[in-house]
């Protein structure tokens, strides 16, 4: 799915688009597909994707597309403005990516779902496939072996994967919206040159903030980073991180530690710590209710020595870095919960349109139709909120309130929809072979991690208060 070049045209677009290749071999990671789709082409300009930033890409993607075989959206009045793109309609290359991710999920994820849920282990071959197809470095520039796509493209992939297995979706989500995003936003050129190719092709990343006594209250962080008395350029990390996603598979850990507890949040600093660093070990792996394919472990730091060159961003800015990154990561979790609700709803609808009771399909009963309509409306509302937050972030607009709203609503929607689907499936909704109870187990975490629902409500209320107190 990696883009090496693209073609942009005025009056229509023609571009090289990423497509999942189910027959990809190790030495053939990139499949490029040219799309014409009956557009009028003129004023052709070629350029290499390594020069394209997510912001400039979005600006190009927001250009109006007018196909030959579609009635024009405007009349001949030159004062008429083009019709804005609906939030729920993907752009051409985004739709290609969505189909590609959906096909990958059906081919590579679906056959492994039950086994991974039972064993609580993410299949190593699936991890390798995610790297081969470029899903682990979506926003990393193609010049550094990444896919060179946008934040919104990450959201598309997360949503499609979550329709099949939300555990795999969060594995990809953390890699892209947290770890890679941190390197993109705060890494210096040397750090980016070192870690971009690894994170794109072979190395799983992990974000280490939470501790047993430090969840929503990041000020309570206890992990320390102490300079060596005889070598102030070297820090010694000590502490235990808890609830760390991707820890079992990770080769790189982004660790938040305080250089001075007296400074409270202003002492928190972010460090890049490779897995093979002496003193770093993986502790207890949690036996979770849901998203069991995704690993959640302790990360133990016992006299772990790191050089100052491994500081990510500025010293003492770790808290700011973490909060800003989590604001963006919440959109990824919202996309995960959206995909979960969609996948559960889809499975249930297929059953309701096949199962016959009292002489007609269950889906034909008016009472059931009301429940179906309510779920579909909730899902559509959540989708619009998730897509809006993602578009705002990609455009560089303020998005913190919208991200919190999207995560709050999408996670609550996932819980309501998966619970209702279990009810409508009857006995099959309560056994694993029915295929929906797993979504019900998986959904609960959406209201807990990357900011609980109460934290989202607090964030929303604070921003509304600021808005009306000006």
Protein backbone atom coordinates (compact mmCIF):
# COMPACT_ATOMS: atom_id res chain seq x y z
CA UNK A 1 0.00 0.00 0.00
CA UNK A 2 3.00 2.30 -0.22
CA UNK A 3 2.83 5.29 -2.50
CA UNK A 4 5.98 6.12 -4.45
CA UNK A 5 4.55 8.68 -6.80
CA UNK A 6 1.27 10.33 -7.60
CA UNK A 7 -0.47 12.29 -10.31
CA UNK A 8 -2.63 15.32 -9.56
CA UNK A 9 -4.92 16.93 -12.10
CA UNK A 10 -7.23 19.94 -12.11
CA UNK A 11 -10.80 19.29 -13.22
CA UNK A 12 -10.49 15.73 -12.00
CA UNK A 13 -7.89 13.47 -10.47
CA UNK A 14 -5.82 10.58 -11.59
CA UNK A 15 -3.48 9.07 -9.07
CA UNK A 16 -1.56 6.02 -8.04
CA UNK A 17 -3.46 4.44 -5.18
CA UNK A 18 -2.57 1.89 -2.50
CA UNK A 19 -4.09 -1.57 -2.87
CA UNK A 20 -3.72 -4.63 -0.66
CA UNK A 21 -2.05 -7.50 -2.49
CA UNK A 22 -3.18 -10.81 -1.05
CA UNK A 23 -0.39 -12.60 -2.94
CA UNK A 24 2.37 -10.28 -1.75
CA UNK A 25 5.75 -11.88 -1.11
CA UNK A 26 8.51 -10.56 1.15
CA UNK A 27 10.33 -9.00 -1.81
CA UNK A 28 7.18 -7.49 -3.30
CA UNK A 29 5.71 -5.27 -0.60
CA UNK A 30 4.29 -2.59 -2.85
CA UNK A 31 1.37 -2.96 -5.22
CA UNK A 32 0.38 0.21 -7.07
CA UNK A 33 -2.86 0.58 -8.98
CA UNK A 34 -3.73 3.29 -11.49
CA UNK A 35 -7.28 4.62 -11.30
CA UNK A 36 -8.96 6.48 -14.20
CA UNK A 37 -12.69 6.20 -13.39
CA UNK A 38 -13.92 8.35 -16.31
CA UNK A 39 -12.60 11.68 -15.06
CA UNK A 40 -11.70 14.66 -17.23
CA UNK A 41 -7.97 15.17 -17.06
CA UNK A 42 -6.04 18.32 -17.79
CA UNK A 43 -3.19 20.37 -16.39
CA UNK A 44 -1.19 17.31 -15.32
CA UNK A 45 1.53 17.82 -12.71
CA UNK A 46 3.81 15.05 -11.48
CA UNK A 47 5.66 15.07 -8.21
CA UNK A 48 7.20 12.64 -5.75
CA UNK A 49 5.21 11.77 -2.63
CA UNK A 50 8.14 12.36 -0.28
CA UNK A 51 7.53 16.07 -0.83
CA UNK A 52 3.88 15.79 0.19
CA UNK A 53 2.92 16.57 3.77
CA UNK A 54 -0.35 15.27 5.26
CA UNK A 55 -1.60 18.87 5.28
CA UNK A 56 -0.82 19.54 1.61
CA UNK A 57 -2.27 16.17 0.65
CA UNK A 58 -5.52 16.98 2.37
CA UNK A 59 -5.74 20.33 0.63
CA UNK A 60 -5.46 18.54 -2.71
CA UNK A 61 -7.95 15.86 -1.65
CA UNK A 62 -10.57 18.51 -0.84
CA UNK A 63 -10.68 19.63 -4.47
CA UNK A 64 -14.05 19.00 -6.08
CA UNK A 65 -14.26 15.87 -8.25
CA UNK A 66 -16.68 15.96 -11.20
CA UNK A 67 -16.91 12.64 -13.13
CA UNK A 68 -17.96 12.55 -16.80
CA UNK A 69 -20.82 10.18 -16.14
CA UNK A 70 -22.32 12.16 -13.24
CA UNK A 71 -24.66 15.14 -13.47
CA UNK A 72 -22.84 18.34 -12.54
CA UNK A 73 -23.46 19.64 -9.02
CA UNK A 74 -23.70 23.25 -10.22
CA UNK A 75 -25.25 25.24 -13.03
CA UNK A 76 -23.61 27.65 -15.41
CA UNK A 77 -23.68 30.54 -12.98
CA UNK A 78 -19.99 31.42 -12.34
CA UNK A 79 -20.90 32.69 -8.86
CA UNK A 80 -22.05 29.26 -7.71
CA UNK A 81 -19.73 27.53 -5.25
CA UNK A 82 -18.84 23.83 -5.57
CA UNK A 83 -20.81 21.47 -3.34
CA UNK A 84 -18.81 20.53 -0.21
CA UNK A 85 -17.77 16.91 0.15
CA UNK A 86 -20.15 15.02 2.53
CA UNK A 87 -18.38 13.70 5.63
CA UNK A 88 -19.57 10.14 5.06
CA UNK A 89 -18.39 10.01 1.42
CA UNK A 90 -14.75 9.05 1.05
CA UNK A 91 -12.52 10.55 -1.59
CA UNK A 92 -11.47 8.33 -4.46
CA UNK A 93 -8.13 7.14 -3.08
CA UNK A 94 -9.58 6.84 0.43
CA UNK A 95 -12.25 4.48 -0.88
CA UNK A 96 -9.57 2.40 -2.62
CA UNK A 97 -7.68 2.19 0.68
CA UNK A 98 -10.87 1.26 2.55
CA UNK A 99 -11.59 -1.59 0.15
CA UNK A 100 -7.98 -2.72 0.38
CA UNK A 101 -8.05 -2.76 4.20
CA UNK A 102 -11.42 -4.52 4.21
CA UNK A 103 -10.11 -7.23 1.90
CA UNK A 104 -7.01 -7.67 4.05
CA UNK A 105 -9.20 -8.00 7.13
CA UNK A 106 -11.30 -10.70 5.49
CA UNK A 107 -8.32 -12.62 4.08
CA UNK A 108 -5.76 -12.29 6.86
CA UNK A 109 -7.53 -11.34 10.11
CA UNK A 110 -10.89 -13.15 10.03
CA UNK A 111 -9.48 -16.71 9.78
CA UNK A 112 -7.39 -16.05 12.91
CA UNK A 113 -9.93 -14.25 15.12
CA UNK A 114 -11.14 -17.18 17.21
CA UNK A 115 -7.68 -18.68 17.74
CA UNK A 116 -6.18 -15.34 18.78
CA UNK A 117 -9.08 -14.63 21.12
CA UNK A 118 -8.73 -18.07 22.72
CA UNK A 119 -4.92 -17.95 23.08
CA UNK A 120 -4.67 -14.21 23.80
CA UNK A 121 -1.76 -14.07 21.36
CA UNK A 122 -1.50 -11.98 18.20
CA UNK A 123 -0.49 -14.29 15.38
CA UNK A 124 3.15 -13.50 14.40
CA UNK A 125 2.35 -14.15 10.73
CA UNK A 126 -0.41 -11.55 10.89
CA UNK A 127 2.02 -9.03 12.36
CA UNK A 128 4.41 -9.73 9.51
CA UNK A 129 1.59 -9.27 6.99
CA UNK A 130 0.64 -5.92 8.52
CA UNK A 131 4.22 -4.74 8.01
CA UNK A 132 4.43 -6.18 4.49
CA UNK A 133 1.31 -4.33 3.38
CA UNK A 134 2.42 -1.04 4.94
CA UNK A 135 -0.27 -0.82 7.63
CA UNK A 136 2.27 -0.22 10.40
CA UNK A 137 3.77 2.95 8.92
CA UNK A 138 0.79 4.68 7.34
CA UNK A 139 1.89 8.30 7.95
CA UNK A 140 5.64 7.68 7.81
CA UNK A 141 7.10 9.21 4.64
CA UNK A 142 7.71 6.86 1.73
CA UNK A 143 11.32 8.09 1.66
CA UNK A 144 11.75 6.21 4.97
CA UNK A 145 9.94 3.01 3.89
CA UNK A 146 6.55 4.25 5.10
CA UNK A 147 3.28 4.47 3.20
CA UNK A 148 3.29 8.27 3.00
CA UNK A 149 -0.43 8.58 3.62
CA UNK A 150 -2.48 10.75 6.00
CA UNK A 151 -3.92 10.64 9.51
CA UNK A 152 -7.38 10.14 8.05
CA UNK A 153 -6.06 7.13 6.12
CA UNK A 154 -4.99 5.63 9.46
CA UNK A 155 -8.55 6.11 10.74
CA UNK A 156 -9.93 4.29 7.70
CA UNK A 157 -7.68 1.29 8.29
CA UNK A 158 -8.44 1.15 12.02
CA UNK A 159 -12.19 1.24 11.36
CA UNK A 160 -12.03 -1.54 8.75
CA UNK A 161 -9.86 -3.79 10.92
CA UNK A 162 -12.15 -3.26 13.93
CA UNK A 163 -15.12 -4.53 11.94
CA UNK A 164 -13.41 -7.93 12.02
CA UNK A 165 -11.27 -7.85 15.19
CA UNK A 166 -11.00 -4.75 17.41
CA UNK A 167 -7.93 -6.32 19.06
CA UNK A 168 -5.96 -6.20 15.82
CA UNK A 169 -7.32 -2.71 15.15
CA UNK A 170 -5.87 -1.31 18.38
CA UNK A 171 -2.54 -3.00 17.65
CA UNK A 172 -2.33 -1.02 14.40
CA UNK A 173 -3.88 2.05 16.03
CA UNK A 174 -1.26 2.40 18.77
CA UNK A 175 1.53 1.96 16.23
CA UNK A 176 0.22 4.71 13.97
CA UNK A 177 -1.68 7.27 16.05
CA UNK A 178 0.56 7.15 19.12
CA UNK A 179 4.08 5.82 18.45
CA UNK A 180 4.61 6.89 14.84
CA UNK A 181 2.76 10.13 15.47
CA UNK A 182 5.10 10.96 18.36
CA UNK A 183 8.14 10.46 16.12
CA UNK A 184 6.59 12.50 13.33
CA UNK A 185 5.68 15.43 15.56
CA UNK A 186 8.48 15.50 18.11
CA UNK A 187 11.36 13.38 16.83
CA UNK A 188 14.54 15.10 15.64
CA UNK A 189 15.99 14.20 12.21
CA UNK A 190 18.45 11.69 13.70
CA UNK A 191 15.70 9.88 15.64
CA UNK A 192 13.42 9.85 12.62
CA UNK A 193 16.14 8.52 10.34
CA UNK A 194 16.86 5.74 12.83
CA UNK A 195 13.32 4.66 13.74
CA UNK A 196 11.12 5.48 10.74
CA UNK A 197 12.38 2.52 8.64
CA UNK A 198 12.18 0.15 11.61
CA UNK A 199 8.66 1.12 12.61
CA UNK A 200 7.54 0.85 8.98
CA UNK A 201 9.01 -2.57 8.27
CA UNK A 202 9.67 -4.66 11.36
CA UNK A 203 9.50 -2.99 14.79
CA UNK A 204 6.34 -2.74 16.89
CA UNK A 205 6.14 0.35 19.08
CA UNK A 206 4.62 0.82 22.53
CA UNK A 207 3.54 3.93 24.44
CA UNK A 208 4.32 3.77 28.17
CA UNK A 209 2.53 6.34 30.31
CA UNK A 210 0.18 4.55 32.74
CA UNK A 211 1.30 3.08 36.06
CA UNK A 212 -0.50 1.22 38.84
CA UNK A 213 -1.00 4.50 40.71
CA UNK A 214 -1.11 6.71 37.64
CA UNK A 215 -3.96 6.40 35.16
CA UNK A 216 -6.09 9.44 34.53
CA UNK A 217 -3.92 11.38 37.00
CA UNK A 218 -0.67 11.70 35.07
CA UNK A 219 0.71 14.01 37.79
CA UNK A 220 1.05 10.91 40.01
CA UNK A 221 3.68 9.36 37.72
CA UNK A 222 6.35 7.57 39.79
CA UNK A 223 8.86 6.33 37.20
CA UNK A 224 12.07 8.31 37.58
CA UNK A 225 14.87 9.37 35.24
CA UNK A 226 17.96 10.22 37.28
CA UNK A 227 21.15 11.66 35.72
CA UNK A 228 24.31 9.77 36.61
CA UNK A 229 26.45 11.90 38.95
CA UNK A 230 29.60 11.30 36.91
CA UNK A 231 27.84 11.39 33.53
CA UNK A 232 24.98 13.94 33.36
CA UNK A 233 24.30 12.98 29.72
CA UNK A 234 23.10 9.54 30.87
CA UNK A 235 19.82 8.94 32.69
CA UNK A 236 18.84 5.89 34.74
CA UNK A 237 15.19 4.89 34.49
CA UNK A 238 13.46 3.08 37.35
CA UNK A 239 9.79 2.19 37.69
CA UNK A 240 6.99 -0.06 36.47
CA UNK A 241 4.53 0.80 33.72
CA UNK A 242 1.10 -0.85 33.71
CA UNK A 243 -1.62 -1.57 31.14
CA UNK A 244 0.82 -1.11 28.24
CA UNK A 245 -0.64 -2.01 24.85
CA UNK A 246 1.63 -3.86 22.37
CA UNK A 247 4.23 -4.42 25.12
CA UNK A 248 4.55 -8.15 24.44
CA UNK A 249 5.46 -7.63 20.77
CA UNK A 250 7.18 -4.24 20.98
CA UNK A 251 10.76 -3.55 20.01
CA UNK A 252 10.63 0.14 20.91
CA UNK A 253 9.11 1.74 24.01
CA UNK A 254 8.32 5.42 24.42
CA UNK A 255 8.62 5.83 28.18
CA UNK A 256 7.38 8.75 30.25
CA UNK A 257 9.49 9.38 33.37
CA UNK A 258 10.08 12.31 35.69
CA UNK A 259 13.48 13.92 36.07
CA UNK A 260 12.30 15.80 39.17
CA UNK A 261 9.15 14.92 41.15
CA UNK A 262 9.20 18.37 42.69
CA UNK A 263 8.45 19.85 39.27
CA UNK A 264 5.31 17.68 39.00
CA UNK A 265 4.13 17.49 35.38
CA UNK A 266 6.89 19.89 34.26
CA UNK A 267 9.47 17.26 35.17
CA UNK A 268 8.00 14.52 32.97
CA UNK A 269 10.23 13.65 30.02
CA UNK A 270 9.77 11.22 27.13
CA UNK A 271 12.47 8.65 26.31
CA UNK A 272 12.99 6.29 23.37
CA UNK A 273 13.99 2.92 24.83
CA UNK A 274 14.76 -0.12 22.61
CA UNK A 275 13.59 -3.47 23.95
CA UNK A 276 17.11 -4.91 24.18
CA UNK A 277 18.26 -2.17 26.58
CA UNK A 278 19.66 -3.84 29.73
CA UNK A 279 17.27 -3.60 32.65
CA UNK A 280 14.07 -3.41 30.60
CA UNK A 281 11.79 -6.43 30.94
CA UNK A 282 8.18 -7.37 30.30
CA UNK A 283 6.16 -8.24 33.39
CA UNK A 284 2.72 -9.72 33.86
CA UNK A 285 0.58 -10.11 30.77
CA UNK A 286 -3.04 -9.27 31.59
CA UNK A 287 -5.79 -11.85 31.05
CA UNK A 288 -8.41 -9.50 29.65
CA UNK A 289 -12.15 -9.74 29.04
CA UNK A 290 -11.88 -8.42 25.49
CA UNK A 291 -9.46 -7.33 22.73
CA UNK A 292 -7.52 -10.44 23.72
CA UNK A 293 -5.37 -10.53 20.58
CA UNK A 294 -3.88 -7.22 21.71
CA UNK A 295 -1.25 -7.65 24.41
CA UNK A 296 -1.46 -5.62 27.63
CA UNK A 297 1.52 -5.99 29.98
CA UNK A 298 3.66 -4.45 32.65
CA UNK A 299 6.92 -2.89 31.48
CA UNK A 300 9.57 -3.03 34.19
CA UNK A 301 12.48 -0.57 34.18
CA UNK A 302 15.29 -1.56 36.53
CA UNK A 303 18.32 0.74 36.28
CA UNK A 304 17.80 1.23 32.56
CA UNK A 305 20.48 3.56 31.19
CA UNK A 306 19.58 5.89 28.34
CA UNK A 307 21.55 8.69 26.70
CA UNK A 308 20.18 12.22 26.45
CA UNK A 309 20.01 11.69 22.68
CA UNK A 310 17.12 9.30 23.41
CA UNK A 311 14.96 12.08 24.81
CA UNK A 312 11.96 12.58 22.54
CA UNK A 313 11.12 16.25 22.25
CA UNK A 314 12.42 18.58 24.95
CA UNK A 315 13.39 17.71 28.50
CA UNK A 316 10.48 18.37 30.84
CA UNK A 317 7.94 18.48 27.99
CA UNK A 318 6.86 14.83 28.27
CA UNK A 319 3.48 15.58 29.83
CA UNK A 320 2.58 18.07 27.08
CA UNK A 321 3.76 15.60 24.45
CA UNK A 322 1.71 12.78 25.97
CA UNK A 323 -1.50 14.79 26.32
CA UNK A 324 -1.32 16.22 22.81
CA UNK A 325 -0.68 12.75 21.39
CA UNK A 326 -3.52 11.19 23.37
CA UNK A 327 -5.86 13.88 22.05
CA UNK A 328 -5.12 12.55 18.57
CA UNK A 329 -5.08 8.92 19.68
CA UNK A 330 -8.63 9.26 20.96
CA UNK A 331 -9.81 9.63 17.38
CA UNK A 332 -8.17 6.28 16.65
CA UNK A 333 -10.01 4.63 19.55
CA UNK A 334 -13.24 6.27 18.38
CA UNK A 335 -12.64 4.72 14.94
CA UNK A 336 -12.01 1.36 16.60
CA UNK A 337 -15.32 1.57 18.48
CA UNK A 338 -17.12 2.71 15.32
CA UNK A 339 -15.78 -0.25 13.37
CA UNK A 340 -16.72 -2.59 16.22
CA UNK A 341 -20.34 -1.37 16.15
CA UNK A 342 -20.47 -1.66 12.35
CA UNK A 343 -19.03 -5.17 12.31
CA UNK A 344 -21.37 -6.40 15.05
CA UNK A 345 -24.39 -4.79 13.41
CA UNK A 346 -23.52 -6.34 10.03
CA UNK A 347 -23.24 -9.86 11.46
CA UNK A 348 -26.51 -9.48 13.32
CA UNK A 349 -28.41 -8.12 10.33
CA UNK A 350 -27.40 -11.09 8.22
CA UNK A 351 -28.76 -13.42 10.89
CA UNK A 352 -32.00 -11.47 11.38
CA UNK A 353 -32.70 -11.63 7.66
CA UNK A 354 -32.20 -15.40 7.58
CA UNK A 355 -33.74 -16.61 10.85
CA UNK A 356 -37.47 -17.28 10.62
CA UNK A 357 -39.81 -17.18 13.60
CA UNK A 358 -43.62 -17.33 13.60
CA UNK A 359 -43.57 -17.63 9.83
CA UNK A 360 -41.46 -14.58 8.93
CA UNK A 361 -37.93 -13.23 9.17
CA UNK A 362 -37.02 -11.74 12.53
CA UNK A 363 -35.99 -8.55 10.76
CA UNK A 364 -39.59 -8.16 9.50
CA UNK A 365 -41.09 -7.68 12.97
CA UNK A 366 -41.92 -4.05 13.64
CA UNK A 367 -40.50 -4.07 17.16
CA UNK A 368 -37.21 -5.45 15.86
CA UNK A 369 -37.19 -2.92 13.04
CA UNK A 370 -37.38 -0.11 15.58
CA UNK A 371 -34.30 -1.54 17.34
CA UNK A 372 -32.51 -1.88 14.01
CA UNK A 373 -33.33 1.72 13.07
CA UNK A 374 -32.07 2.99 16.42
CA UNK A 375 -28.76 1.12 16.11
CA UNK A 376 -28.22 2.25 12.52
CA UNK A 377 -28.90 5.86 13.50
CA UNK A 378 -26.48 5.66 16.43
CA UNK A 379 -23.77 4.20 14.19
CA UNK A 380 -24.26 6.87 11.53
CA UNK A 381 -24.06 9.62 14.15
CA UNK A 382 -20.87 8.16 15.59
CA UNK A 383 -19.35 7.88 12.11
CA UNK A 384 -19.98 11.53 11.34
CA UNK A 385 -18.38 12.57 14.64
CA UNK A 386 -15.33 10.36 14.11
CA UNK A 387 -14.80 11.50 10.54
CA UNK A 388 -15.30 15.15 11.47
CA UNK A 389 -12.71 14.96 14.26
CA UNK A 390 -10.26 13.20 11.95
CA UNK A 391 -10.76 15.75 9.15
CA UNK A 392 -10.27 18.62 11.59
CA UNK A 393 -7.04 17.11 12.89
CA UNK A 394 -5.75 16.46 9.38
CA UNK A 395 -6.45 20.07 8.39
CA UNK A 396 -4.65 21.49 11.38
CA UNK A 397 -7.86 22.89 12.90
CA UNK A 398 -8.71 22.74 16.63
CA UNK A 399 -10.08 19.26 17.29
CA UNK A 400 -9.65 18.39 20.98
CA UNK A 401 -13.33 18.85 21.88
CA UNK A 402 -14.50 17.00 18.79
CA UNK A 403 -12.05 14.14 19.47
CA UNK A 404 -13.33 13.77 23.02
CA UNK A 405 -16.93 13.86 21.80
CA UNK A 406 -16.20 11.28 19.11
CA UNK A 407 -14.57 8.86 21.55
CA UNK A 408 -17.34 9.33 24.11
CA UNK A 409 -20.16 8.78 21.63
CA UNK A 410 -18.50 6.01 19.61
CA UNK A 411 -17.59 3.98 22.71
CA UNK A 412 -21.10 4.29 24.13
CA UNK A 413 -22.57 3.43 20.74
CA UNK A 414 -20.39 0.32 20.54
CA UNK A 415 -21.64 -0.83 23.93
CA UNK A 416 -25.33 -0.25 23.13
CA UNK A 417 -25.13 -1.81 19.68
CA UNK A 418 -23.17 -4.91 20.71
CA UNK A 419 -25.47 -5.50 23.69
CA UNK A 420 -28.60 -5.10 21.56
CA UNK A 421 -27.17 -7.41 18.92
CA UNK A 422 -26.54 -10.11 21.52
CA UNK A 423 -30.18 -9.78 22.58
CA UNK A 424 -31.50 -10.01 19.03
CA UNK A 425 -29.35 -13.06 18.30
CA UNK A 426 -30.92 -14.90 21.23
CA UNK A 427 -28.96 -17.92 22.40
CA UNK A 428 -26.47 -17.48 19.57
CA UNK A 429 -25.69 -14.05 20.96
CA UNK A 430 -24.37 -15.62 24.14
CA UNK A 431 -22.07 -18.27 22.65
CA UNK A 432 -18.80 -17.79 20.80
CA UNK A 433 -19.89 -19.52 17.62
CA UNK A 434 -22.56 -16.83 17.14
CA UNK A 435 -19.84 -14.30 16.34
CA UNK A 436 -21.24 -11.28 18.22
CA UNK A 437 -20.48 -11.87 21.91
CA UNK A 438 -16.82 -11.07 21.25
CA UNK A 439 -17.77 -7.57 20.11
CA UNK A 440 -19.67 -7.15 23.38
CA UNK A 441 -16.57 -8.17 25.34
CA UNK A 442 -14.31 -6.02 23.21
CA UNK A 443 -16.37 -2.83 23.48
CA UNK A 444 -16.02 -2.17 27.20
CA UNK A 445 -12.40 -1.06 26.99
CA UNK A 446 -13.44 1.83 24.72
CA UNK A 447 -14.86 3.71 27.71
CA UNK A 448 -11.69 3.12 29.73
CA UNK A 449 -8.42 3.49 27.84
CA UNK A 450 -6.90 6.62 26.29
CA UNK A 451 -9.08 8.65 28.63
CA UNK A 452 -12.13 7.31 30.46
CA UNK A 453 -15.60 8.57 29.57
CA UNK A 454 -15.53 10.84 32.60
CA UNK A 455 -12.25 12.35 31.40
CA UNK A 456 -13.85 12.95 27.98
CA UNK A 457 -16.83 14.65 29.64
CA UNK A 458 -14.48 16.79 31.73
CA UNK A 459 -12.51 17.80 28.63
CA UNK A 460 -15.66 18.68 26.69
CA UNK A 461 -17.14 20.67 29.57
CA UNK A 462 -13.90 22.59 30.13
CA UNK A 463 -13.65 23.60 26.49
CA UNK A 464 -17.30 24.66 26.37
CA UNK A 465 -16.77 26.73 29.50
CA UNK A 466 -13.78 28.44 27.89
CA UNK A 467 -15.83 29.11 24.78
CA UNK A 468 -18.59 30.89 26.68
CA UNK A 469 -16.39 32.73 29.15
CA UNK A 470 -14.56 34.73 26.48
